[in-house]
Amino acid sequence: MPKNDMSPQEEEAFAKAKAILSEHFPNWAVIVIDDDDSLAYDYTNYYIGKTLCRETLSEMNKDDIEFIWEETESDSEDDGT
């Protein structure tokens, strides 16, 4: 799976995440992107990865997501209220 130019620390964290998931779940997928927009991903196997990504995207595209915005004090000052 593409791991474009991950630092040793990032590779170690990625490996730890996969190891933890593998201990607790028979099917998993991990997708990360760093500050330089480098993508890394891995999954139990191709079909599991494809299914998990497809189902996640389907859930994310539903219109029943409710966003709760918390306004901070600095946000109020910026818009003049």
Protein backbone atom coordinates (compact mmCIF):
# COMPACT_ATOMS: atom_id res chain seq x y z
CA MET A 1 0.00 0.00 0.00
CA PRO A 2 1.41 3.44 -0.82
CA LYS A 3 3.29 4.95 2.09
CA ASN A 4 4.77 7.94 0.30
CA ASP A 5 7.86 9.11 2.14
CA MET A 6 6.73 8.36 5.69
CA SER A 7 9.22 9.30 8.38
CA PRO A 8 10.46 6.51 10.65
CA GLN A 9 8.21 7.85 13.43
CA GLU A 10 5.19 7.85 11.12
CA GLU A 11 5.97 4.33 9.90
CA GLU A 12 6.24 3.15 13.52
CA ALA A 13 2.90 4.77 14.47
CA PHE A 14 1.26 3.29 11.36
CA ALA A 15 2.59 -0.17 12.22
CA LYS A 16 1.40 0.16 15.83
CA ALA A 17 -2.10 1.19 14.70
CA LYS A 18 -2.31 -1.85 12.41
CA ALA A 19 -1.03 -4.15 15.15
CA ILE A 20 -3.58 -2.88 17.67
CA LEU A 21 -6.44 -3.21 15.20
CA SER A 22 -5.31 -6.71 14.23
CA GLU A 23 -5.40 -7.79 17.88
CA HIS A 24 -9.02 -6.71 18.32
CA PHE A 25 -10.73 -6.87 14.92
CA PRO A 26 -10.71 -9.53 12.19
CA ASN A 27 -11.36 -6.92 9.47
CA TRP A 28 -9.89 -3.44 9.43
CA ALA A 29 -8.64 -0.61 7.23
CA VAL A 30 -6.32 2.28 8.10
CA ILE A 31 -6.05 5.44 6.02
CA VAL A 32 -3.88 8.41 6.94
CA ILE A 33 -2.62 11.56 5.27
CA ASP A 34 0.22 13.70 6.55
CA ASP A 35 0.86 17.44 6.42
CA ASP A 36 2.50 17.07 2.99
CA ASP A 37 -0.65 15.35 1.60
CA SER A 38 1.10 11.97 1.42
CA LEU A 39 -1.41 9.14 1.62
CA ALA A 40 -0.83 5.82 3.36
CA TYR A 41 -3.30 2.99 3.77
CA ASP A 42 -3.51 -0.70 4.55
CA TYR A 43 -6.25 -3.25 5.18
CA THR A 44 -6.82 -6.88 6.13
CA ASN A 45 -7.16 -7.84 2.47
CA TYR A 46 -8.21 -6.19 -0.78
CA TYR A 47 -11.91 -7.06 -0.54
CA ILE A 48 -12.19 -5.98 3.08
CA GLY A 49 -10.41 -2.68 2.34
CA LYS A 50 -12.63 -1.99 -0.67
CA THR A 51 -15.81 -2.85 1.24
CA LEU A 52 -14.92 -0.81 4.33
CA CYS A 53 -14.00 2.24 2.24
CA ARG A 54 -17.13 1.98 0.11
CA GLU A 55 -19.43 1.56 3.13
CA THR A 56 -17.72 4.41 4.99
CA LEU A 57 -18.12 6.73 2.01
CA SER A 58 -21.77 5.73 1.69
CA GLU A 59 -22.37 6.57 5.36
CA MET A 60 -20.50 9.88 5.04
CA ASN A 61 -22.61 10.90 2.03
CA LYS A 62 -25.91 10.50 3.87
CA ASP A 63 -27.79 13.71 4.61
CA ASP A 64 -28.57 12.77 8.21
CA ILE A 65 -25.27 14.05 9.62
CA GLU A 66 -25.77 16.83 12.15
CA PHE A 67 -22.94 19.26 12.73
CA ILE A 68 -22.68 21.06 16.05
CA TRP A 69 -20.63 24.23 15.80
CA GLU A 70 -19.15 25.70 18.94
CA GLU A 71 -18.41 29.37 18.69
CA THR A 72 -15.37 30.58 20.57
CA GLU A 73 -14.90 34.05 21.96
CA SER A 74 -12.42 34.98 19.20
CA ASP A 75 -14.95 33.87 16.55
CA SER A 76 -17.48 36.37 17.92
CA GLU A 77 -14.94 39.19 17.87
CA ASP A 78 -13.95 38.47 14.25
CA ASP A 79 -17.45 38.91 12.85
CA GLY A 80 -18.13 42.10 14.83
CA THR A 81 -20.69 40.71 17.27
